[in-house]
């Protein structure tokens, strides 16, 4: 963990691309990557062989202080037909990601396994899922992500 902390700034400053790679899918390593701002992705390099692609975005989007966020009236009206929940449908969100991205989905089995272990166990850092669907209950999409300072994903 200390080694990663020491090189994150160096990578961000000197490495011109967003991606690095690793062969370690250990959940504590994946959680540590997220803690340091990486988005862990995966890539299949051969049949049954995968590499971890930690992505350190040059530009990021973060939501903070959701209570202070301004939502336009038109957006508020259009959103009334949808429901958003947190941490209620990990497997369904993964399935939705695979449906949406088909063969190009970066959510390969070893990364899904690591995320699920992080999601199901209390950690300083947690994965989360955001399934969203209409009032009728059908899931129209979902997102996966991560956050710090929580007590775990729950399931």
N, C-alpha and C. Protein backbone atom coordinates (compact mmCIF):
# COMPACT_ATOMS: atom_id res chain seq x y z
N UNK A 1 0.79 -1.21 0.00
CA UNK A 1 0.00 0.00 0.00
C UNK A 1 0.84 1.28 0.00
N UNK A 2 1.90 1.31 0.77
CA UNK A 2 2.74 2.51 0.80
C UNK A 2 3.40 2.76 -0.55
N UNK A 3 3.81 1.67 -1.23
CA UNK A 3 4.44 1.81 -2.53
C UNK A 3 3.52 2.46 -3.54
N UNK A 4 2.27 2.07 -3.55
CA UNK A 4 1.30 2.66 -4.46
C UNK A 4 1.12 4.13 -4.16
N UNK A 5 1.03 4.46 -2.88
CA UNK A 5 0.86 5.86 -2.47
C UNK A 5 2.00 6.72 -3.00
N UNK A 6 3.21 6.16 -3.00
CA UNK A 6 4.38 6.92 -3.43
C UNK A 6 4.41 7.16 -4.93
N UNK A 7 3.85 6.24 -5.73
CA UNK A 7 3.98 6.39 -7.18
C UNK A 7 2.77 7.02 -7.88
N UNK A 8 1.65 7.19 -7.20
CA UNK A 8 0.45 7.72 -7.85
C UNK A 8 0.73 9.11 -8.43
N UNK A 9 1.32 9.99 -7.65
CA UNK A 9 1.63 11.33 -8.14
C UNK A 9 2.58 11.30 -9.32
N UNK A 10 3.57 10.43 -9.25
CA UNK A 10 4.52 10.29 -10.34
C UNK A 10 3.84 9.81 -11.61
N UNK A 11 2.96 8.82 -11.48
CA UNK A 11 2.21 8.33 -12.64
C UNK A 11 1.36 9.43 -13.26
N UNK A 12 0.65 10.15 -12.42
CA UNK A 12 -0.24 11.21 -12.91
C UNK A 12 0.55 12.32 -13.59
N UNK A 13 1.72 12.62 -13.07
CA UNK A 13 2.52 13.71 -13.60
C UNK A 13 3.30 13.33 -14.86
N UNK A 14 3.88 12.15 -14.88
CA UNK A 14 4.83 11.79 -15.95
C UNK A 14 4.31 10.81 -16.97
N UNK A 15 3.30 10.04 -16.63
CA UNK A 15 2.81 9.02 -17.56
C UNK A 15 1.73 9.64 -18.44
N UNK A 16 1.94 9.70 -19.76
CA UNK A 16 1.03 10.45 -20.63
C UNK A 16 -0.31 9.77 -20.88
N UNK A 17 -0.46 8.53 -20.50
CA UNK A 17 -1.70 7.79 -20.77
C UNK A 17 -2.46 7.56 -19.48
N UNK A 18 -3.74 7.20 -19.61
CA UNK A 18 -4.58 6.96 -18.45
C UNK A 18 -4.38 5.58 -17.83
N UNK A 19 -3.85 4.61 -18.59
CA UNK A 19 -3.83 3.22 -18.15
C UNK A 19 -2.46 2.75 -17.68
N UNK A 20 -2.48 1.86 -16.71
CA UNK A 20 -1.35 1.05 -16.29
C UNK A 20 -1.83 -0.39 -16.44
N UNK A 21 -1.05 -1.38 -16.03
CA UNK A 21 -1.54 -2.74 -16.03
C UNK A 21 -0.91 -3.51 -14.88
N UNK A 22 -1.62 -4.55 -14.47
CA UNK A 22 -1.16 -5.43 -13.40
C UNK A 22 -1.79 -6.79 -13.61
N UNK A 23 -1.21 -7.80 -12.98
CA UNK A 23 -1.79 -9.14 -13.08
C UNK A 23 -2.46 -9.55 -11.77
N UNK A 24 -2.48 -8.67 -10.80
CA UNK A 24 -3.00 -8.97 -9.46
C UNK A 24 -4.44 -8.48 -9.32
N UNK A 25 -5.38 -9.39 -9.10
CA UNK A 25 -6.78 -9.05 -8.90
C UNK A 25 -7.18 -9.20 -7.43
N UNK A 26 -6.22 -9.23 -6.52
CA UNK A 26 -6.53 -9.36 -5.10
C UNK A 26 -7.43 -8.21 -4.67
N UNK A 27 -8.55 -8.50 -3.98
CA UNK A 27 -9.49 -7.45 -3.60
C UNK A 27 -8.86 -6.30 -2.80
N UNK A 28 -7.90 -6.59 -1.94
CA UNK A 28 -7.28 -5.50 -1.17
C UNK A 28 -6.45 -4.60 -2.08
N UNK A 29 -5.81 -5.17 -3.12
CA UNK A 29 -5.07 -4.37 -4.08
C UNK A 29 -6.02 -3.53 -4.92
N UNK A 30 -7.12 -4.14 -5.38
CA UNK A 30 -8.12 -3.42 -6.17
C UNK A 30 -8.71 -2.28 -5.35
N UNK A 31 -9.03 -2.54 -4.08
CA UNK A 31 -9.56 -1.49 -3.20
C UNK A 31 -8.53 -0.38 -3.00
N UNK A 32 -7.27 -0.75 -2.86
CA UNK A 32 -6.22 0.25 -2.69
C UNK A 32 -6.08 1.12 -3.94
N UNK A 33 -6.19 0.50 -5.11
CA UNK A 33 -6.16 1.27 -6.35
C UNK A 33 -7.29 2.31 -6.36
N UNK A 34 -8.49 1.88 -5.99
CA UNK A 34 -9.63 2.80 -5.96
C UNK A 34 -9.41 3.91 -4.94
N UNK A 35 -8.85 3.56 -3.81
CA UNK A 35 -8.57 4.53 -2.76
C UNK A 35 -7.65 5.64 -3.27
N UNK A 36 -6.79 5.28 -4.22
CA UNK A 36 -5.84 6.25 -4.77
C UNK A 36 -6.32 6.88 -6.07
N UNK A 37 -7.58 6.71 -6.41
CA UNK A 37 -8.15 7.40 -7.54
C UNK A 37 -8.20 6.63 -8.85
N UNK A 38 -7.79 5.37 -8.84
CA UNK A 38 -7.83 4.57 -10.07
C UNK A 38 -9.21 3.97 -10.28
N UNK A 39 -9.58 3.79 -11.53
CA UNK A 39 -10.76 3.02 -11.90
C UNK A 39 -10.24 1.67 -12.39
N UNK A 40 -10.42 0.61 -11.61
CA UNK A 40 -9.93 -0.70 -12.05
C UNK A 40 -10.80 -1.27 -13.17
N UNK A 41 -10.16 -1.61 -14.27
CA UNK A 41 -10.82 -2.23 -15.41
C UNK A 41 -10.04 -3.52 -15.70
N UNK A 42 -10.53 -4.33 -16.61
CA UNK A 42 -9.82 -5.56 -16.97
C UNK A 42 -9.87 -5.73 -18.48
N UNK A 43 -8.96 -6.56 -18.96
CA UNK A 43 -8.90 -6.86 -20.39
C UNK A 43 -8.51 -8.33 -20.56
N UNK A 44 -9.14 -8.98 -21.50
CA UNK A 44 -8.79 -10.37 -21.79
C UNK A 44 -7.66 -10.38 -22.81
N UNK A 45 -6.53 -11.00 -22.44
CA UNK A 45 -5.37 -11.03 -23.33
C UNK A 45 -5.23 -12.37 -24.06
N UNK A 46 -5.86 -13.40 -23.56
CA UNK A 46 -5.88 -14.72 -24.19
C UNK A 46 -7.06 -15.47 -23.60
N UNK A 47 -7.37 -16.62 -24.13
CA UNK A 47 -8.49 -17.40 -23.64
C UNK A 47 -8.30 -17.71 -22.15
N UNK A 48 -9.15 -17.17 -21.31
CA UNK A 48 -9.06 -17.41 -19.88
C UNK A 48 -7.96 -16.64 -19.16
N UNK A 49 -7.28 -15.71 -19.84
CA UNK A 49 -6.21 -14.93 -19.23
C UNK A 49 -6.56 -13.45 -19.29
N UNK A 50 -6.48 -12.80 -18.12
CA UNK A 50 -6.91 -11.41 -18.01
C UNK A 50 -5.82 -10.58 -17.34
N UNK A 51 -5.80 -9.29 -17.65
CA UNK A 51 -4.93 -8.36 -16.94
C UNK A 51 -5.81 -7.25 -16.35
N UNK A 52 -5.36 -6.73 -15.25
CA UNK A 52 -6.02 -5.60 -14.60
C UNK A 52 -5.49 -4.33 -15.25
N UNK A 53 -6.39 -3.44 -15.62
CA UNK A 53 -6.02 -2.16 -16.23
C UNK A 53 -6.45 -1.03 -15.30
N UNK A 54 -5.64 -0.67 -14.34
CA UNK A 54 -5.99 0.47 -13.48
C UNK A 54 -5.94 1.75 -14.30
N UNK A 55 -7.04 2.47 -14.35
CA UNK A 55 -7.12 3.70 -15.14
C UNK A 55 -7.10 4.89 -14.20
N UNK A 56 -6.17 5.79 -14.42
CA UNK A 56 -6.07 7.01 -13.65
C UNK A 56 -6.46 8.15 -14.59
N UNK A 57 -7.73 8.54 -14.54
CA UNK A 57 -8.26 9.55 -15.45
C UNK A 57 -7.48 10.86 -15.32
N UNK A 58 -7.17 11.46 -16.46
CA UNK A 58 -6.56 12.78 -16.45
C UNK A 58 -7.60 13.83 -16.06
N UNK A 59 -8.85 13.58 -16.47
CA UNK A 59 -9.97 14.45 -16.09
C UNK A 59 -10.99 13.56 -15.40
N UNK A 60 -11.56 14.04 -14.31
CA UNK A 60 -12.50 13.23 -13.53
C UNK A 60 -13.78 14.00 -13.25
N UNK A 61 -14.78 13.25 -12.89
CA UNK A 61 -16.05 13.83 -12.49
C UNK A 61 -16.39 13.27 -11.12
N UNK A 62 -16.60 14.13 -10.15
CA UNK A 62 -16.95 13.70 -8.80
C UNK A 62 -18.20 14.46 -8.36
N UNK A 63 -19.08 13.76 -7.70
CA UNK A 63 -20.25 14.40 -7.11
C UNK A 63 -19.99 14.59 -5.63
N UNK A 64 -20.14 15.80 -5.17
CA UNK A 64 -19.97 16.09 -3.75
C UNK A 64 -21.17 16.90 -3.27
N UNK A 65 -21.44 16.79 -2.02
CA UNK A 65 -22.52 17.57 -1.40
C UNK A 65 -23.80 17.50 -2.23
N UNK A 66 -24.33 16.29 -2.34
CA UNK A 66 -25.53 16.09 -3.14
C UNK A 66 -26.71 16.91 -2.65
N UNK A 67 -26.73 17.22 -1.35
CA UNK A 67 -27.82 18.03 -0.81
C UNK A 67 -27.83 19.44 -1.40
N UNK A 68 -26.66 19.92 -1.83
CA UNK A 68 -26.54 21.27 -2.38
C UNK A 68 -26.65 21.30 -3.90
N UNK A 69 -26.80 20.14 -4.53
CA UNK A 69 -26.82 20.08 -5.98
C UNK A 69 -28.13 20.66 -6.52
N UNK A 70 -28.01 21.51 -7.52
CA UNK A 70 -29.17 22.13 -8.16
C UNK A 70 -29.65 21.25 -9.31
N UNK A 71 -30.93 20.90 -9.30
CA UNK A 71 -31.53 20.10 -10.36
C UNK A 71 -32.58 20.95 -11.04
N UNK A 72 -32.45 21.10 -12.35
CA UNK A 72 -33.39 21.93 -13.09
C UNK A 72 -34.79 21.31 -13.05
N UNK A 73 -35.81 22.17 -13.12
CA UNK A 73 -37.19 21.70 -13.02
C UNK A 73 -37.54 20.68 -14.11
N UNK A 74 -37.09 20.89 -15.35
CA UNK A 74 -37.38 19.95 -16.42
C UNK A 74 -36.78 18.57 -16.15
N UNK A 75 -35.59 18.58 -15.62
CA UNK A 75 -34.94 17.32 -15.27
C UNK A 75 -35.68 16.64 -14.14
N UNK A 76 -36.09 17.41 -13.15
CA UNK A 76 -36.83 16.87 -12.02
C UNK A 76 -38.15 16.22 -12.49
N UNK A 77 -38.85 16.87 -13.40
CA UNK A 77 -40.12 16.32 -13.91
C UNK A 77 -39.89 15.02 -14.68
N UNK A 78 -38.87 15.00 -15.55
CA UNK A 78 -38.61 13.80 -16.36
C UNK A 78 -38.13 12.64 -15.49
N UNK A 79 -37.52 12.93 -14.37
CA UNK A 79 -36.95 11.87 -13.54
C UNK A 79 -37.96 11.22 -12.60
N UNK A 80 -39.16 11.77 -12.49
CA UNK A 80 -40.14 11.22 -11.56
C UNK A 80 -40.53 9.78 -11.87
N UNK A 81 -40.35 9.36 -13.11
CA UNK A 81 -40.71 7.99 -13.49
C UNK A 81 -39.62 6.99 -13.13
N UNK A 82 -38.51 7.45 -12.59
CA UNK A 82 -37.38 6.56 -12.30
C UNK A 82 -37.08 6.50 -10.82
N UNK A 83 -36.50 5.38 -10.43
CA UNK A 83 -36.08 5.17 -9.05
C UNK A 83 -34.61 4.82 -9.06
N UNK A 84 -33.86 5.41 -8.16
CA UNK A 84 -32.44 5.09 -8.03
C UNK A 84 -32.20 4.58 -6.61
N UNK A 85 -31.55 3.44 -6.51
CA UNK A 85 -31.22 2.88 -5.20
C UNK A 85 -29.73 2.58 -5.17
N UNK A 86 -29.19 2.42 -3.98
CA UNK A 86 -27.78 2.08 -3.82
C UNK A 86 -27.65 0.69 -3.22
N UNK A 87 -26.72 -0.08 -3.75
CA UNK A 87 -26.32 -1.36 -3.16
C UNK A 87 -27.44 -2.37 -2.98
N UNK A 88 -28.29 -2.48 -3.97
CA UNK A 88 -29.39 -3.44 -3.86
C UNK A 88 -29.35 -4.53 -4.93
N UNK A 89 -28.49 -4.38 -5.95
CA UNK A 89 -28.56 -5.31 -7.07
C UNK A 89 -27.21 -5.49 -7.76
N UNK A 90 -26.20 -5.91 -7.01
CA UNK A 90 -24.86 -6.05 -7.59
C UNK A 90 -24.87 -6.94 -8.82
N UNK A 91 -25.39 -8.15 -8.70
CA UNK A 91 -25.38 -9.09 -9.83
C UNK A 91 -26.16 -8.56 -11.03
N UNK A 92 -27.28 -7.90 -10.78
CA UNK A 92 -28.09 -7.36 -11.87
C UNK A 92 -27.37 -6.20 -12.57
N UNK A 93 -26.65 -5.38 -11.82
CA UNK A 93 -25.91 -4.28 -12.45
C UNK A 93 -24.77 -4.84 -13.30
N UNK A 94 -24.07 -5.86 -12.80
CA UNK A 94 -23.01 -6.49 -13.60
C UNK A 94 -23.61 -7.08 -14.87
N UNK A 95 -24.74 -7.74 -14.75
CA UNK A 95 -25.42 -8.29 -15.92
C UNK A 95 -25.79 -7.18 -16.91
N UNK A 96 -26.29 -6.07 -16.39
CA UNK A 96 -26.64 -4.93 -17.25
C UNK A 96 -25.42 -4.33 -17.95
N UNK A 97 -24.29 -4.28 -17.24
CA UNK A 97 -23.05 -3.79 -17.86
C UNK A 97 -22.64 -4.71 -19.01
N UNK A 98 -22.75 -6.02 -18.80
CA UNK A 98 -22.40 -6.95 -19.86
C UNK A 98 -23.36 -6.83 -21.05
N UNK A 99 -24.64 -6.62 -20.79
CA UNK A 99 -25.60 -6.44 -21.88
C UNK A 99 -25.30 -5.17 -22.66
N UNK A 100 -24.99 -4.11 -21.94
CA UNK A 100 -24.75 -2.82 -22.58
C UNK A 100 -23.47 -2.82 -23.41
N UNK A 101 -22.41 -3.41 -22.88
CA UNK A 101 -21.10 -3.34 -23.53
C UNK A 101 -20.75 -4.59 -24.32
N UNK A 102 -21.56 -5.61 -24.27
CA UNK A 102 -21.38 -6.90 -24.97
C UNK A 102 -19.93 -7.37 -24.92
N UNK A 103 -19.33 -7.63 -26.07
CA UNK A 103 -17.99 -8.21 -26.11
C UNK A 103 -16.90 -7.27 -25.59
N UNK A 104 -17.16 -5.98 -25.57
CA UNK A 104 -16.15 -5.02 -25.14
C UNK A 104 -16.22 -4.68 -23.67
N UNK A 105 -17.00 -5.41 -22.91
CA UNK A 105 -17.17 -5.09 -21.49
C UNK A 105 -15.88 -5.36 -20.72
N UNK A 106 -15.46 -4.40 -19.93
CA UNK A 106 -14.23 -4.52 -19.14
C UNK A 106 -14.46 -5.20 -17.80
N UNK A 107 -15.67 -5.66 -17.55
CA UNK A 107 -16.01 -6.33 -16.29
C UNK A 107 -15.83 -7.84 -16.46
N UNK A 108 -14.58 -8.28 -16.57
CA UNK A 108 -14.27 -9.69 -16.75
C UNK A 108 -14.32 -10.42 -15.41
N UNK A 109 -14.47 -11.76 -15.44
CA UNK A 109 -14.69 -12.54 -14.21
C UNK A 109 -13.75 -12.25 -13.04
N UNK A 110 -12.43 -12.13 -13.21
CA UNK A 110 -11.61 -11.89 -12.02
C UNK A 110 -11.85 -10.52 -11.38
N UNK A 111 -12.21 -9.54 -12.19
CA UNK A 111 -12.52 -8.21 -11.64
C UNK A 111 -13.88 -8.21 -10.95
N UNK A 112 -14.85 -8.89 -11.56
CA UNK A 112 -16.17 -9.02 -10.93
C UNK A 112 -16.03 -9.70 -9.58
N UNK A 113 -15.23 -10.75 -9.52
CA UNK A 113 -15.02 -11.48 -8.26
C UNK A 113 -14.40 -10.56 -7.20
N UNK A 114 -13.39 -9.79 -7.58
CA UNK A 114 -12.76 -8.86 -6.63
C UNK A 114 -13.76 -7.81 -6.15
N UNK A 115 -14.50 -7.21 -7.08
CA UNK A 115 -15.49 -6.20 -6.70
C UNK A 115 -16.56 -6.78 -5.79
N UNK A 116 -17.01 -8.00 -6.10
CA UNK A 116 -18.06 -8.60 -5.29
C UNK A 116 -17.56 -8.86 -3.87
N UNK A 117 -16.31 -9.31 -3.72
CA UNK A 117 -15.75 -9.51 -2.39
C UNK A 117 -15.65 -8.19 -1.63
N UNK A 118 -15.24 -7.14 -2.31
CA UNK A 118 -15.18 -5.81 -1.68
C UNK A 118 -16.59 -5.35 -1.31
N UNK A 119 -17.53 -5.55 -2.22
CA UNK A 119 -18.92 -5.13 -2.03
C UNK A 119 -19.57 -5.81 -0.83
N UNK A 120 -19.27 -7.09 -0.66
CA UNK A 120 -19.92 -7.88 0.39
C UNK A 120 -19.24 -7.83 1.74
N UNK A 121 -18.08 -7.22 1.85
CA UNK A 121 -17.36 -7.17 3.12
C UNK A 121 -17.14 -5.73 3.54
N UNK A 122 -17.26 -5.45 4.83
CA UNK A 122 -16.99 -4.09 5.29
C UNK A 122 -15.52 -3.73 5.08
N UNK A 123 -15.29 -2.62 4.47
CA UNK A 123 -13.95 -2.10 4.21
C UNK A 123 -13.98 -0.59 4.42
N UNK A 124 -12.82 -0.03 4.53
CA UNK A 124 -12.71 1.42 4.54
C UNK A 124 -13.16 1.96 3.18
N UNK A 125 -12.96 1.15 2.15
CA UNK A 125 -13.30 1.55 0.80
C UNK A 125 -14.29 0.55 0.26
N UNK A 126 -15.30 1.00 -0.45
CA UNK A 126 -16.32 0.06 -0.89
C UNK A 126 -16.70 0.28 -2.34
N UNK A 127 -17.15 -0.78 -2.97
CA UNK A 127 -17.77 -0.66 -4.28
C UNK A 127 -19.25 -0.44 -4.04
N UNK A 128 -19.91 0.12 -5.01
CA UNK A 128 -21.35 0.28 -4.91
C UNK A 128 -21.96 0.07 -6.27
N UNK A 129 -23.23 -0.22 -6.25
CA UNK A 129 -23.97 -0.33 -7.50
C UNK A 129 -25.16 0.60 -7.42
N UNK A 130 -25.52 1.13 -8.57
CA UNK A 130 -26.68 2.01 -8.66
C UNK A 130 -27.59 1.46 -9.75
N UNK A 131 -28.51 0.57 -9.37
CA UNK A 131 -29.48 0.13 -10.37
C UNK A 131 -30.55 1.18 -10.49
N UNK A 132 -30.96 1.50 -11.70
CA UNK A 132 -32.05 2.44 -11.84
C UNK A 132 -33.03 1.90 -12.85
N UNK A 133 -34.29 2.13 -12.57
CA UNK A 133 -35.33 1.62 -13.45
C UNK A 133 -36.59 2.43 -13.29
N UNK A 134 -37.59 2.07 -14.04
CA UNK A 134 -38.84 2.80 -14.00
C UNK A 134 -39.68 2.37 -12.81
N UNK A 135 -40.75 3.11 -12.56
CA UNK A 135 -41.64 2.79 -11.45
C UNK A 135 -42.21 1.39 -11.56
N UNK A 136 -42.36 0.89 -12.77
CA UNK A 136 -42.89 -0.44 -12.98
C UNK A 136 -41.95 -1.54 -12.51
N UNK A 137 -40.75 -1.16 -12.14
CA UNK A 137 -39.83 -2.13 -11.58
C UNK A 137 -38.83 -2.71 -12.56
N UNK A 138 -38.92 -2.37 -13.83
CA UNK A 138 -37.94 -2.93 -14.76
C UNK A 138 -36.65 -2.12 -14.69
N UNK A 139 -35.55 -2.84 -14.72
CA UNK A 139 -34.25 -2.17 -14.67
C UNK A 139 -33.93 -1.68 -16.07
N UNK A 140 -33.66 -0.39 -16.20
CA UNK A 140 -33.31 0.13 -17.51
C UNK A 140 -31.81 0.29 -17.67
N UNK A 141 -31.09 0.45 -16.59
CA UNK A 141 -29.64 0.57 -16.64
C UNK A 141 -29.09 0.47 -15.25
N UNK A 142 -27.80 0.58 -15.14
CA UNK A 142 -27.17 0.57 -13.84
C UNK A 142 -25.75 1.03 -13.96
N UNK A 143 -25.15 1.41 -12.85
CA UNK A 143 -23.77 1.87 -12.80
C UNK A 143 -23.09 1.21 -11.65
N UNK A 144 -21.80 1.03 -11.78
CA UNK A 144 -20.98 0.56 -10.68
C UNK A 144 -19.97 1.64 -10.37
N UNK A 145 -19.52 1.69 -9.15
CA UNK A 145 -18.55 2.70 -8.78
C UNK A 145 -17.90 2.38 -7.47
N UNK A 146 -17.26 3.37 -6.91
CA UNK A 146 -16.57 3.17 -5.65
C UNK A 146 -16.58 4.45 -4.86
N UNK A 147 -16.38 4.32 -3.55
CA UNK A 147 -16.34 5.48 -2.69
C UNK A 147 -15.53 5.19 -1.45
N UNK A 148 -15.03 6.22 -0.83
CA UNK A 148 -14.19 6.04 0.34
C UNK A 148 -14.88 6.50 1.60
N UNK A 149 -14.35 6.03 2.72
CA UNK A 149 -14.83 6.47 4.01
C UNK A 149 -16.07 5.77 4.48
N UNK A 150 -16.60 4.83 3.72
CA UNK A 150 -17.81 4.14 4.12
C UNK A 150 -17.48 2.91 4.94
N UNK A 151 -18.52 2.21 5.31
CA UNK A 151 -18.32 1.00 6.10
C UNK A 151 -18.54 -0.26 5.28
N UNK A 152 -18.48 -0.12 3.96
CA UNK A 152 -18.65 -1.29 3.12
C UNK A 152 -19.85 -1.16 2.24
N UNK A 153 -19.92 -2.04 1.27
CA UNK A 153 -20.99 -1.97 0.29
C UNK A 153 -22.29 -2.53 0.78
N UNK A 154 -22.23 -3.57 1.55
CA UNK A 154 -23.49 -4.22 1.93
C UNK A 154 -24.06 -4.93 0.72
N UNK A 155 -25.09 -5.65 0.90
CA UNK A 155 -25.46 -6.35 -0.29
C UNK A 155 -26.84 -6.63 -0.49
